[in-house]
Amino acid sequence: MALKKIELNLLGQVFLLNVPEEQHDDLREAARLLDVRVSEMKERMQTVQVDRAVNIVALNLSFELLQEKQKNNLMEKVLHDQIQQLSASLENILTRTTNQQPAYEIQ
């Protein structure tokens, strides 16, 4: 994965980063969304202090990430349980079909 420079305008500052080129669009979108969320937070808090707004946005994003991780963990558990049930059902079916005697024999 070759790294390529990207210039991001984030919160009124320019950042030069070396990241894989295939991540550039997503990184630009992430910076844009962060800008929007910080601007909205500044308006809600009626403050010009960017650092306070950034801290609240960071806390909100961390909370959202934690909730998504918890949802993923729950979904993984549900899927794991369903796979175990399917596996047990298939095992049961396989055992029944291999233990059945043929209805007739060819001689």
PDB file of N, CA and C in Angstrom:
ATOM      1  N   MET A   1       0.846  -1.165   0.000  1.00  0.00           N
ATOM      2  CA  MET A   1       0.000   0.000   0.000  1.00  0.00           C
ATOM      3  C   MET A   1       0.904   1.244   0.000  1.00  0.00           C
ATOM      4  N   ALA A   2       0.946   1.930  -1.108  1.00  0.00           N
ATOM      5  CA  ALA A   2       1.792   3.121  -1.224  1.00  0.00           C
ATOM      6  C   ALA A   2       1.109   4.325  -0.582  1.00  0.00           C
ATOM      7  N   LEU A   3       1.901   5.073   0.172  1.00  0.00           N
ATOM      8  CA  LEU A   3       1.372   6.270   0.826  1.00  0.00           C
ATOM      9  C   LEU A   3       1.514   7.456  -0.111  1.00  0.00           C
ATOM     10  N   LYS A   4       0.533   8.330  -0.050  1.00  0.00           N
ATOM     11  CA  LYS A   4       0.541   9.532  -0.868  1.00  0.00           C
ATOM     12  C   LYS A   4       0.054  10.690  -0.006  1.00  0.00           C
ATOM     13  N   LYS A   5       0.650  11.862  -0.225  1.00  0.00           N
ATOM     14  CA  LYS A   5       0.269  13.039   0.570  1.00  0.00           C
ATOM     15  C   LYS A   5      -1.139  13.490   0.241  1.00  0.00           C
ATOM     16  N   ILE A   6      -1.806  13.940   1.294  1.00  0.00           N
ATOM     17  CA  ILE A   6      -3.127  14.535   1.150  1.00  0.00           C
ATOM     18  C   ILE A   6      -3.137  15.811   1.989  1.00  0.00           C
ATOM     19  N   GLU A   7      -3.772  16.828   1.461  1.00  0.00           N
ATOM     20  CA  GLU A   7      -3.918  18.084   2.195  1.00  0.00           C
ATOM     21  C   GLU A   7      -5.359  18.189   2.649  1.00  0.00           C
ATOM     22  N   LEU A   8      -5.535  18.308   3.960  1.00  0.00           N
ATOM     23  CA  LEU A   8      -6.872  18.416   4.527  1.00  0.00           C
ATOM     24  C   LEU A   8      -7.041  19.760   5.207  1.00  0.00           C
ATOM     25  N   ASN A   9      -8.159  20.404   4.942  1.00  0.00           N
ATOM     26  CA  ASN A   9      -8.540  21.619   5.670  1.00  0.00           C
ATOM     27  C   ASN A   9      -9.503  21.179   6.756  1.00  0.00           C
ATOM     28  N   LEU A  10      -9.054  21.346   7.996  1.00  0.00           N
ATOM     29  CA  LEU A  10      -9.843  20.868   9.113  1.00  0.00           C
ATOM     30  C   LEU A  10      -9.856  21.925  10.205  1.00  0.00           C
ATOM     31  N   LEU A  11     -11.045  22.412  10.519  1.00  0.00           N
ATOM     32  CA  LEU A  11     -11.231  23.402  11.573  1.00  0.00           C
ATOM     33  C   LEU A  11     -10.357  24.635  11.353  1.00  0.00           C
ATOM     34  N   GLY A  12     -10.269  25.044  10.088  1.00  0.00           N
ATOM     35  CA  GLY A  12      -9.521  26.252   9.752  1.00  0.00           C
ATOM     36  C   GLY A  12      -8.016  26.060   9.683  1.00  0.00           C
ATOM     37  N   GLN A  13      -7.566  24.827   9.773  1.00  0.00           N
ATOM     38  CA  GLN A  13      -6.135  24.541   9.679  1.00  0.00           C
ATOM     39  C   GLN A  13      -5.889  23.582   8.536  1.00  0.00           C
ATOM     40  N   VAL A  14      -4.692  23.663   7.986  1.00  0.00           N
ATOM     41  CA  VAL A  14      -4.308  22.766   6.896  1.00  0.00           C
ATOM     42  C   VAL A  14      -3.393  21.688   7.460  1.00  0.00           C
ATOM     43  N   PHE A  15      -3.717  20.455   7.152  1.00  0.00           N
ATOM     44  CA  PHE A  15      -2.919  19.313   7.584  1.00  0.00           C
ATOM     45  C   PHE A  15      -2.424  18.568   6.356  1.00  0.00           C
ATOM     46  N   LEU A  16      -1.140  18.218   6.335  1.00  0.00           N
ATOM     47  CA  LEU A  16      -0.573  17.363   5.299  1.00  0.00           C
ATOM     48  C   LEU A  16      -0.337  15.996   5.916  1.00  0.00           C
ATOM     49  N   LEU A  17      -0.947  14.996   5.328  1.00  0.00           N
ATOM     50  CA  LEU A  17      -0.840  13.640   5.868  1.00  0.00           C
ATOM     51  C   LEU A  17      -0.404  12.684   4.773  1.00  0.00           C
ATOM     52  N   ASN A  18       0.328  11.656   5.148  1.00  0.00           N
ATOM     53  CA  ASN A  18       0.678  10.571   4.234  1.00  0.00           C
ATOM     54  C   ASN A  18      -0.211   9.382   4.553  1.00  0.00           C
ATOM     55  N   VAL A  19      -1.099   9.072   3.627  1.00  0.00           N
ATOM     56  CA  VAL A  19      -2.023   7.958   3.811  1.00  0.00           C
ATOM     57  C   VAL A  19      -2.180   7.233   2.482  1.00  0.00           C
ATOM     58  N   PRO A  20      -2.614   5.978   2.511  1.00  0.00           N
ATOM     59  CA  PRO A  20      -2.864   5.263   1.254  1.00  0.00           C
ATOM     60  C   PRO A  20      -3.869   6.031   0.391  1.00  0.00           C
ATOM     61  N   GLU A  21      -3.596   6.087  -0.890  1.00  0.00           N
ATOM     62  CA  GLU A  21      -4.434   6.882  -1.803  1.00  0.00           C
ATOM     63  C   GLU A  21      -5.892   6.443  -1.785  1.00  0.00           C
ATOM     64  N   GLU A  22      -6.132   5.150  -1.601  1.00  0.00           N
ATOM     65  CA  GLU A  22      -7.528   4.674  -1.606  1.00  0.00           C
ATOM     66  C   GLU A  22      -8.317   5.155  -0.386  1.00  0.00           C
ATOM     67  N   GLN A  23      -7.645   5.738   0.595  1.00  0.00           N
ATOM     68  CA  GLN A  23      -8.328   6.270   1.775  1.00  0.00           C
ATOM     69  C   GLN A  23      -8.556   7.777   1.698  1.00  0.00           C
ATOM     70  N   HIS A  24      -8.050   8.423   0.656  1.00  0.00           N
ATOM     71  CA  HIS A  24      -8.139   9.888   0.562  1.00  0.00           C
ATOM     72  C   HIS A  24      -9.578  10.392   0.589  1.00  0.00           C
ATOM     73  N   ASP A  25     -10.445   9.811  -0.216  1.00  0.00           N
ATOM     74  CA  ASP A  25     -11.829  10.293  -0.267  1.00  0.00           C
ATOM     75  C   ASP A  25     -12.530  10.150   1.081  1.00  0.00           C
ATOM     76  N   ASP A  26     -12.330   8.997   1.724  1.00  0.00           N
ATOM     77  CA  ASP A  26     -12.965   8.783   3.029  1.00  0.00           C
ATOM     78  C   ASP A  26     -12.411   9.750   4.070  1.00  0.00           C
ATOM     79  N   LEU A  27     -11.119  10.016   4.012  1.00  0.00           N
ATOM     80  CA  LEU A  27     -10.509  10.943   4.961  1.00  0.00           C
ATOM     81  C   LEU A  27     -11.016  12.368   4.740  1.00  0.00           C
ATOM     82  N   ARG A  28     -11.160  12.756   3.484  1.00  0.00           N
ATOM     83  CA  ARG A  28     -11.730  14.089   3.182  1.00  0.00           C
ATOM     84  C   ARG A  28     -13.164  14.189   3.721  1.00  0.00           C
ATOM     85  N   GLU A  29     -13.935  13.135   3.520  1.00  0.00           N
ATOM     86  CA  GLU A  29     -15.317  13.133   4.009  1.00  0.00           C
ATOM     87  C   GLU A  29     -15.355  13.182   5.532  1.00  0.00           C
ATOM     88  N   ALA A  30     -14.460  12.460   6.189  1.00  0.00           N
ATOM     89  CA  ALA A  30     -14.400  12.479   7.650  1.00  0.00           C
ATOM     90  C   ALA A  30     -14.059  13.884   8.149  1.00  0.00           C
ATOM     91  N   ALA A  31     -13.121  14.548   7.491  1.00  0.00           N
ATOM     92  CA  ALA A  31     -12.746  15.920   7.880  1.00  0.00           C
ATOM     93  C   ALA A  31     -13.922  16.872   7.675  1.00  0.00           C
ATOM     94  N   ARG A  32     -14.645  16.692   6.568  1.00  0.00           N
ATOM     95  CA  ARG A  32     -15.801  17.544   6.292  1.00  0.00           C
ATOM     96  C   ARG A  32     -16.878  17.349   7.362  1.00  0.00           C
ATOM     97  N   LEU A  33     -17.153  16.092   7.699  1.00  0.00           N
ATOM     98  CA  LEU A  33     -18.164  15.810   8.725  1.00  0.00           C
ATOM     99  C   LEU A  33     -17.748  16.362  10.084  1.00  0.00           C
ATOM    100  N   LEU A  34     -16.470  16.265  10.412  1.00  0.00           N
ATOM    101  CA  LEU A  34     -15.990  16.814  11.677  1.00  0.00           C
ATOM    102  C   LEU A  34     -16.160  18.326  11.703  1.00  0.00           C
ATOM    103  N   ASP A  35     -15.818  18.979  10.601  1.00  0.00           N
ATOM    104  CA  ASP A  35     -16.020  20.428  10.503  1.00  0.00           C
ATOM    105  C   ASP A  35     -17.480  20.800  10.753  1.00  0.00           C
ATOM    106  N   VAL A  36     -18.382  20.061  10.105  1.00  0.00           N
ATOM    107  CA  VAL A  36     -19.816  20.333  10.244  1.00  0.00           C
ATOM    108  C   VAL A  36     -20.256  20.142  11.693  1.00  0.00           C
ATOM    109  N   ARG A  37     -19.843  19.044  12.301  1.00  0.00           N
ATOM    110  CA  ARG A  37     -20.272  18.758  13.677  1.00  0.00           C
ATOM    111  C   ARG A  37     -19.719  19.777  14.665  1.00  0.00           C
ATOM    112  N   VAL A  38     -18.480  20.191  14.474  1.00  0.00           N
ATOM    113  CA  VAL A  38     -17.908  21.199  15.377  1.00  0.00           C
ATOM    114  C   VAL A  38     -18.631  22.535  15.197  1.00  0.00           C
ATOM    115  N   SER A  39     -18.914  22.905  13.944  1.00  0.00           N
ATOM    116  CA  SER A  39     -19.648  24.158  13.693  1.00  0.00           C
ATOM    117  C   SER A  39     -21.026  24.121  14.337  1.00  0.00           C
ATOM    118  N   GLU A  40     -21.719  22.996  14.187  1.00  0.00           N
ATOM    119  CA  GLU A  40     -23.043  22.860  14.808  1.00  0.00           C
ATOM    120  C   GLU A  40     -22.949  22.947  16.321  1.00  0.00           C
ATOM    121  N   MET A  41     -21.928  22.310  16.892  1.00  0.00           N
ATOM    122  CA  MET A  41     -21.768  22.327  18.349  1.00  0.00           C
ATOM    123  C   MET A  41     -21.470  23.744  18.838  1.00  0.00           C
ATOM    124  N   LYS A  42     -20.627  24.477  18.102  1.00  0.00           N
ATOM    125  CA  LYS A  42     -20.330  25.862  18.482  1.00  0.00           C
ATOM    126  C   LYS A  42     -21.607  26.695  18.489  1.00  0.00           C
ATOM    127  N   GLU A  43     -22.466  26.482  17.500  1.00  0.00           N
ATOM    128  CA  GLU A  43     -23.734  27.215  17.442  1.00  0.00           C
ATOM    129  C   GLU A  43     -24.625  26.851  18.623  1.00  0.00           C
ATOM    130  N   ARG A  44     -24.737  25.550  18.924  1.00  0.00           N
ATOM    131  CA  ARG A  44     -25.578  25.105  20.032  1.00  0.00           C
ATOM    132  C   ARG A  44     -25.078  25.626  21.365  1.00  0.00           C
ATOM    133  N   MET A  45     -23.751  25.611  21.530  1.00  0.00           N
ATOM    134  CA  MET A  45     -23.167  26.062  22.795  1.00  0.00           C
ATOM    135  C   MET A  45     -23.057  27.582  22.845  1.00  0.00           C
ATOM    136  N   GLN A  46     -23.302  28.221  21.721  1.00  0.00           N
ATOM    137  CA  GLN A  46     -23.167  29.675  21.596  1.00  0.00           C
ATOM    138  C   GLN A  46     -21.801  30.129  22.113  1.00  0.00           C
ATOM    139  N   THR A  47     -20.774  29.499  21.523  1.00  0.00           N
ATOM    140  CA  THR A  47     -19.410  29.814  21.918  1.00  0.00           C
ATOM    141  C   THR A  47     -18.530  29.946  20.680  1.00  0.00           C
ATOM    142  N   VAL A  48     -17.441  30.651  20.834  1.00  0.00           N
ATOM    143  CA  VAL A  48     -16.458  30.748  19.760  1.00  0.00           C
ATOM    144  C   VAL A  48     -15.242  29.888  20.097  1.00  0.00           C
ATOM    145  N   GLN A  49     -15.269  29.249  21.266  1.00  0.00           N
ATOM    146  CA  GLN A  49     -14.160  28.409  21.687  1.00  0.00           C
ATOM    147  C   GLN A  49     -14.192  27.074  20.947  1.00  0.00           C
ATOM    148  N   VAL A  50     -13.310  26.973  19.979  1.00  0.00           N
ATOM    149  CA  VAL A  50     -13.269  25.763  19.154  1.00  0.00           C
ATOM    150  C   VAL A  50     -12.889  24.551  19.989  1.00  0.00           C
ATOM    151  N   ASP A  51     -11.950  24.725  20.917  1.00  0.00           N
ATOM    152  CA  ASP A  51     -11.484  23.570  21.689  1.00  0.00           C
ATOM    153  C   ASP A  51     -12.597  22.957  22.538  1.00  0.00           C
ATOM    154  N   ARG A  52     -13.471  23.759  23.084  1.00  0.00           N
ATOM    155  CA  ARG A  52     -14.604  23.214  23.860  1.00  0.00           C
ATOM    156  C   ARG A  52     -15.545  22.437  22.948  1.00  0.00           C
ATOM    157  N   ALA A  53     -15.858  23.025  21.799  1.00  0.00           N
ATOM    158  CA  ALA A  53     -16.742  22.343  20.843  1.00  0.00           C
ATOM    159  C   ALA A  53     -16.108  21.041  20.359  1.00  0.00           C
ATOM    160  N   VAL A  54     -14.803  21.070  20.071  1.00  0.00           N
ATOM    161  CA  VAL A  54     -14.101  19.864  19.617  1.00  0.00           C
ATOM    162  C   VAL A  54     -14.152  18.782  20.700  1.00  0.00           C
ATOM    163  N   ASN A  55     -13.959  19.167  21.950  1.00  0.00           N
ATOM    164  CA  ASN A  55     -14.008  18.185  23.039  1.00  0.00           C
ATOM    165  C   ASN A  55     -15.378  17.526  23.145  1.00  0.00           C
ATOM    166  N   ILE A  56     -16.428  18.318  23.045  1.00  0.00           N
ATOM    167  CA  ILE A  56     -17.784  17.755  23.124  1.00  0.00           C
ATOM    168  C   ILE A  56     -18.054  16.857  21.922  1.00  0.00           C
ATOM    169  N   VAL A  57     -17.651  17.299  20.727  1.00  0.00           N
ATOM    170  CA  VAL A  57     -17.840  16.476  19.529  1.00  0.00           C
ATOM    171  C   VAL A  57     -17.046  15.180  19.661  1.00  0.00           C
ATOM    172  N   ALA A  58     -15.818  15.258  20.160  1.00  0.00           N
ATOM    173  CA  ALA A  58     -15.000  14.055  20.351  1.00  0.00           C
ATOM    174  C   ALA A  58     -15.669  13.094  21.325  1.00  0.00           C
ATOM    175  N   LEU A  59     -16.233  13.633  22.407  1.00  0.00           N
ATOM    176  CA  LEU A  59     -16.942  12.796  23.366  1.00  0.00           C
ATOM    177  C   LEU A  59     -18.156  12.142  22.716  1.00  0.00           C
ATOM    178  N   ASN A  60     -18.918  12.921  21.944  1.00  0.00           N
ATOM    179  CA  ASN A  60     -20.090  12.370  21.245  1.00  0.00           C
ATOM    180  C   ASN A  60     -19.679  11.278  20.268  1.00  0.00           C
ATOM    181  N   LEU A  61     -18.615  11.516  19.503  1.00  0.00           N
ATOM    182  CA  LEU A  61     -18.147  10.512  18.535  1.00  0.00           C
ATOM    183  C   LEU A  61     -17.659   9.253  19.235  1.00  0.00           C
ATOM    184  N   SER A  62     -16.962   9.418  20.356  1.00  0.00           N
ATOM    185  CA  SER A  62     -16.499   8.258  21.122  1.00  0.00           C
ATOM    186  C   SER A  62     -17.675   7.453  21.650  1.00  0.00           C
ATOM    187  N   PHE A  63     -18.696   8.163  22.123  1.00  0.00           N
ATOM    188  CA  PHE A  63     -19.892   7.500  22.630  1.00  0.00           C
ATOM    189  C   PHE A  63     -20.597   6.736  21.509  1.00  0.00           C
ATOM    190  N   GLU A  64     -20.735   7.372  20.342  1.00  0.00           N
ATOM    191  CA  GLU A  64     -21.367   6.714  19.206  1.00  0.00           C
ATOM    192  C   GLU A  64     -20.572   5.480  18.770  1.00  0.00           C
ATOM    193  N   LEU A  65     -19.253   5.597  18.760  1.00  0.00           N
ATOM    194  CA  LEU A  65     -18.400   4.467  18.398  1.00  0.00           C
ATOM    195  C   LEU A  65     -18.580   3.322  19.392  1.00  0.00           C
ATOM    196  N   LEU A  66     -18.618   3.644  20.666  1.00  0.00           N
ATOM    197  CA  LEU A  66     -18.823   2.624  21.696  1.00  0.00           C
ATOM    198  C   LEU A  66     -20.164   1.921  21.512  1.00  0.00           C
ATOM    199  N   GLN A  67     -21.216   2.696  21.224  1.00  0.00           N
ATOM    200  CA  GLN A  67     -22.534   2.090  20.996  1.00  0.00           C
ATOM    201  C   GLN A  67     -22.506   1.163  19.786  1.00  0.00           C
ATOM    202  N   GLU A  68     -21.852   1.580  18.712  1.00  0.00           N
ATOM    203  CA  GLU A  68     -21.758   0.741  17.512  1.00  0.00           C
ATOM    204  C   GLU A  68     -20.972  -0.535  17.785  1.00  0.00           C
ATOM    205  N   LYS A  69     -19.907  -0.427  18.561  1.00  0.00           N
ATOM    206  CA  LYS A  69     -19.133  -1.622  18.928  1.00  0.00           C
ATOM    207  C   LYS A  69     -19.991  -2.580  19.741  1.00  0.00           C
ATOM    208  N   GLN A  70     -20.777  -2.039  20.666  1.00  0.00           N
ATOM    209  CA  GLN A  70     -21.654  -2.889  21.470  1.00  0.00           C
ATOM    210  C   GLN A  70     -22.704  -3.567  20.596  1.00  0.00           C
ATOM    211  N   LYS A  71     -23.258  -2.834  19.641  1.00  0.00           N
ATOM    212  CA  LYS A  71     -24.225  -3.425  18.707  1.00  0.00           C
ATOM    213  C   LYS A  71     -23.573  -4.534  17.892  1.00  0.00           C
ATOM    214  N   ASN A  72     -22.347  -4.278  17.412  1.00  0.00           N
ATOM    215  CA  ASN A  72     -21.626  -5.289  16.638  1.00  0.00           C
ATOM    216  C   ASN A  72     -21.360  -6.537  17.465  1.00  0.00           C
ATOM    217  N   ASN A  73     -20.942  -6.348  18.721  1.00  0.00           N
ATOM    218  CA  ASN A  73     -20.691  -7.492  19.600  1.00  0.00           C
ATOM    219  C   ASN A  73     -21.951  -8.304  19.824  1.00  0.00           C
ATOM    220  N   LEU A  74     -23.075  -7.607  20.027  1.00  0.00           N
ATOM    221  CA  LEU A  74     -24.347  -8.299  20.218  1.00  0.00           C
ATOM    222  C   LEU A  74     -24.729  -9.057  18.947  1.00  0.00           C
ATOM    223  N   MET A  75     -24.558  -8.399  17.794  1.00  0.00           N
ATOM    224  CA  MET A  75     -24.899  -9.039  16.530  1.00  0.00           C
ATOM    225  C   MET A  75     -24.010 -10.259  16.276  1.00  0.00           C
ATOM    226  N   GLU A  76     -22.727 -10.141  16.608  1.00  0.00           N
ATOM    227  CA  GLU A  76     -21.822 -11.281  16.459  1.00  0.00           C
ATOM    228  C   GLU A  76     -22.263 -12.446  17.333  1.00  0.00           C
ATOM    229  N   LYS A  77     -22.694 -12.147  18.566  1.00  0.00           N
ATOM    230  CA  LYS A  77     -23.154 -13.200  19.463  1.00  0.00           C
ATOM    231  C   LYS A  77     -24.406 -13.866  18.914  1.00  0.00           C
ATOM    232  N   VAL A  78     -25.348 -13.062  18.430  1.00  0.00           N
ATOM    233  CA  VAL A  78     -26.580 -13.616  17.859  1.00  0.00           C
ATOM    234  C   VAL A  78     -26.244 -14.502  16.661  1.00  0.00           C
ATOM    235  N   LEU A  79     -25.368 -14.010  15.774  1.00  0.00           N
ATOM    236  CA  LEU A  79     -24.983 -14.806  14.605  1.00  0.00           C
ATOM    237  C   LEU A  79     -24.263 -16.087  15.012  1.00  0.00           C
ATOM    238  N   HIS A  80     -23.385 -15.982  15.997  1.00  0.00           N
ATOM    239  CA  HIS A  80     -22.673 -17.167  16.478  1.00  0.00           C
ATOM    240  C   HIS A  80     -23.658 -18.202  17.019  1.00  0.00           C
ATOM    241  N   ASP A  81     -24.634 -17.745  17.805  1.00  0.00           N
ATOM    242  CA  ASP A  81     -25.643 -18.653  18.359  1.00  0.00           C
ATOM    243  C   ASP A  81     -26.465 -19.297  17.246  1.00  0.00           C
ATOM    244  N   GLN A  82     -26.830 -18.511  16.230  1.00  0.00           N
ATOM    245  CA  GLN A  82     -27.610 -19.062  15.118  1.00  0.00           C
ATOM    246  C   GLN A  82     -26.794 -20.080  14.330  1.00  0.00           C
ATOM    247  N   ILE A  83     -25.521 -19.817  14.147  1.00  0.00           N
ATOM    248  CA  ILE A  83     -24.654 -20.767  13.441  1.00  0.00           C
ATOM    249  C   ILE A  83     -24.544 -22.060  14.238  1.00  0.00           C
ATOM    250  N   GLN A  84     -24.420 -21.931  15.560  1.00  0.00           N
ATOM    251  CA  GLN A  84     -24.348 -23.124  16.412  1.00  0.00           C
ATOM    252  C   GLN A  84     -25.644 -23.940  16.303  1.00  0.00           C
ATOM    253  N   GLN A  85     -26.784 -23.244  16.297  1.00  0.00           N
ATOM    254  CA  GLN A  85     -28.071 -23.943  16.181  1.00  0.00           C
ATOM    255  C   GLN A  85     -28.195 -24.636  14.829  1.00  0.00           C
ATOM    256  N   LEU A  86     -27.801 -23.941  13.768  1.00  0.00           N
ATOM    257  CA  LEU A  86     -27.845 -24.550  12.432  1.00  0.00           C
ATOM    258  C   LEU A  86     -26.923 -25.748  12.349  1.00  0.00           C
ATOM    259  N   SER A  87     -25.748 -25.606  12.910  1.00  0.00           N
ATOM    260  CA  SER A  87     -24.784 -26.704  12.904  1.00  0.00           C
ATOM    261  C   SER A  87     -25.339 -27.921  13.644  1.00  0.00           C
ATOM    262  N   ALA A  88     -25.958 -27.677  14.797  1.00  0.00           N
ATOM    263  CA  ALA A  88     -26.549 -28.775  15.564  1.00  0.00           C
ATOM    264  C   ALA A  88     -27.694 -29.420  14.782  1.00  0.00           C
ATOM    265  N   SER A  89     -28.502 -28.608  14.118  1.00  0.00           N
ATOM    266  CA  SER A  89     -29.609 -29.146  13.318  1.00  0.00           C
ATOM    267  C   SER A  89     -29.085 -29.987  12.162  1.00  0.00           C
ATOM    268  N   LEU A  90     -28.061 -29.490  11.485  1.00  0.00           N
ATOM    269  CA  LEU A  90     -27.471 -30.247  10.369  1.00  0.00           C
ATOM    270  C   LEU A  90     -26.850 -31.552  10.864  1.00  0.00           C
ATOM    271  N   GLU A  91     -26.199 -31.490  11.999  1.00  0.00           N
ATOM    272  CA  GLU A  91     -25.594 -32.691  12.588  1.00  0.00           C
ATOM    273  C   GLU A  91     -26.674 -33.713  12.910  1.00  0.00           C
ATOM    274  N   ASN A  92     -27.794 -33.228  13.466  1.00  0.00           N
ATOM    275  CA  ASN A  92     -28.916 -34.098  13.808  1.00  0.00           C
ATOM    276  C   ASN A  92     -29.496 -34.743  12.546  1.00  0.00           C
ATOM    277  N   ILE A  93     -29.678 -33.950  11.504  1.00  0.00           N
ATOM    278  CA  ILE A  93     -30.219 -34.466  10.241  1.00  0.00           C
ATOM    279  C   ILE A  93     -29.263 -35.491   9.644  1.00  0.00           C
ATOM    280  N   LEU A  94     -27.984 -35.192   9.659  1.00  0.00           N
ATOM    281  CA  LEU A  94     -26.987 -36.100   9.109  1.00  0.00           C
ATOM    282  C   LEU A  94     -26.975 -37.417   9.879  1.00  0.00           C
ATOM    283  N   THR A  95     -27.087 -37.345  11.191  1.00  0.00           N
ATOM    284  CA  THR A  95     -27.103 -38.559  12.017  1.00  0.00           C
ATOM    285  C   THR A  95     -28.331 -39.396  11.708  1.00  0.00           C
ATOM    286  N   ARG A  96     -29.480 -38.755  11.569  1.00  0.00           N
ATOM    287  CA  ARG A  96     -30.719 -39.497  11.280  1.00  0.00           C
ATOM    288  C   ARG A  96     -30.665 -40.162   9.908  1.00  0.00           C
ATOM    289  N   THR A  97     -30.133 -39.451   8.899  1.00  0.00           N
ATOM    290  CA  THR A  97     -30.127 -40.023   7.546  1.00  0.00           C
ATOM    291  C   THR A  97     -29.107 -41.147   7.411  1.00  0.00           C
ATOM    292  N   THR A  98     -28.014 -41.102   8.144  1.00  0.00           N
ATOM    293  CA  THR A  98     -27.021 -42.174   8.043  1.00  0.00           C
ATOM    294  C   THR A  98     -27.422 -43.390   8.861  1.00  0.00           C
ATOM    295  N   ASN A  99     -28.304 -43.216   9.852  1.00  0.00           N
ATOM    296  CA  ASN A  99     -28.747 -44.342  10.679  1.00  0.00           C
ATOM    297  C   ASN A  99     -30.000 -45.020  10.135  1.00  0.00           C
ATOM    298  N   GLN A 100     -30.616 -44.471   9.097  1.00  0.00           N
ATOM    299  CA  GLN A 100     -31.827 -45.064   8.544  1.00  0.00           C
ATOM    300  C   GLN A 100     -31.471 -46.314   7.744  1.00  0.00           C
ATOM    301  N   GLN A 101     -32.307 -47.321   7.891  1.00  0.00           N
ATOM    302  CA  GLN A 101     -32.152 -48.535   7.106  1.00  0.00           C
ATOM    303  C   GLN A 101     -32.881 -48.330   5.784  1.00  0.00           C
ATOM    304  N   PRO A 102     -32.339 -48.827   4.716  1.00  0.00           N
ATOM    305  CA  PRO A 102     -33.056 -48.676   3.435  1.00  0.00           C
ATOM    306  C   PRO A 102     -34.406 -49.387   3.502  1.00  0.00           C
ATOM    307  N   ALA A 103     -35.381 -48.817   2.809  1.00  0.00           N
ATOM    308  CA  ALA A 103     -36.725 -49.374   2.805  1.00  0.00           C
ATOM    309  C   ALA A 103     -36.762 -50.700   2.046  1.00  0.00           C
ATOM    310  N   TYR A 104     -35.822 -50.912   1.152  1.00  0.00           N
ATOM    311  CA  TYR A 104     -35.751 -52.143   0.390  1.00  0.00           C
ATOM    312  C   TYR A 104     -34.295 -52.432   0.078  1.00  0.00           C
ATOM    313  N   GLU A 105     -34.017 -53.695  -0.211  1.00  0.00           N
ATOM    314  CA  GLU A 105     -32.677 -54.077  -0.591  1.00  0.00           C
ATOM    315  C   GLU A 105     -32.684 -54.672  -1.974  1.00  0.00           C
ATOM    316  N   ILE A 106     -31.689 -54.371  -2.732  1.00  0.00           N
ATOM    317  CA  ILE A 106     -31.552 -54.967  -4.062  1.00  0.00           C
ATOM    318  C   ILE A 106     -30.654 -56.182  -3.923  1.00  0.00           C
ATOM    319  N   GLN A 107     -31.121 -57.315  -4.470  1.00  0.00           N
ATOM    320  CA  GLN A 107     -30.335 -58.550  -4.398  1.00  0.00           C
ATOM    321  C   GLN A 107     -29.990 -59.061  -5.753  1.00  0.00           C
TER     322      GLN A 107
END
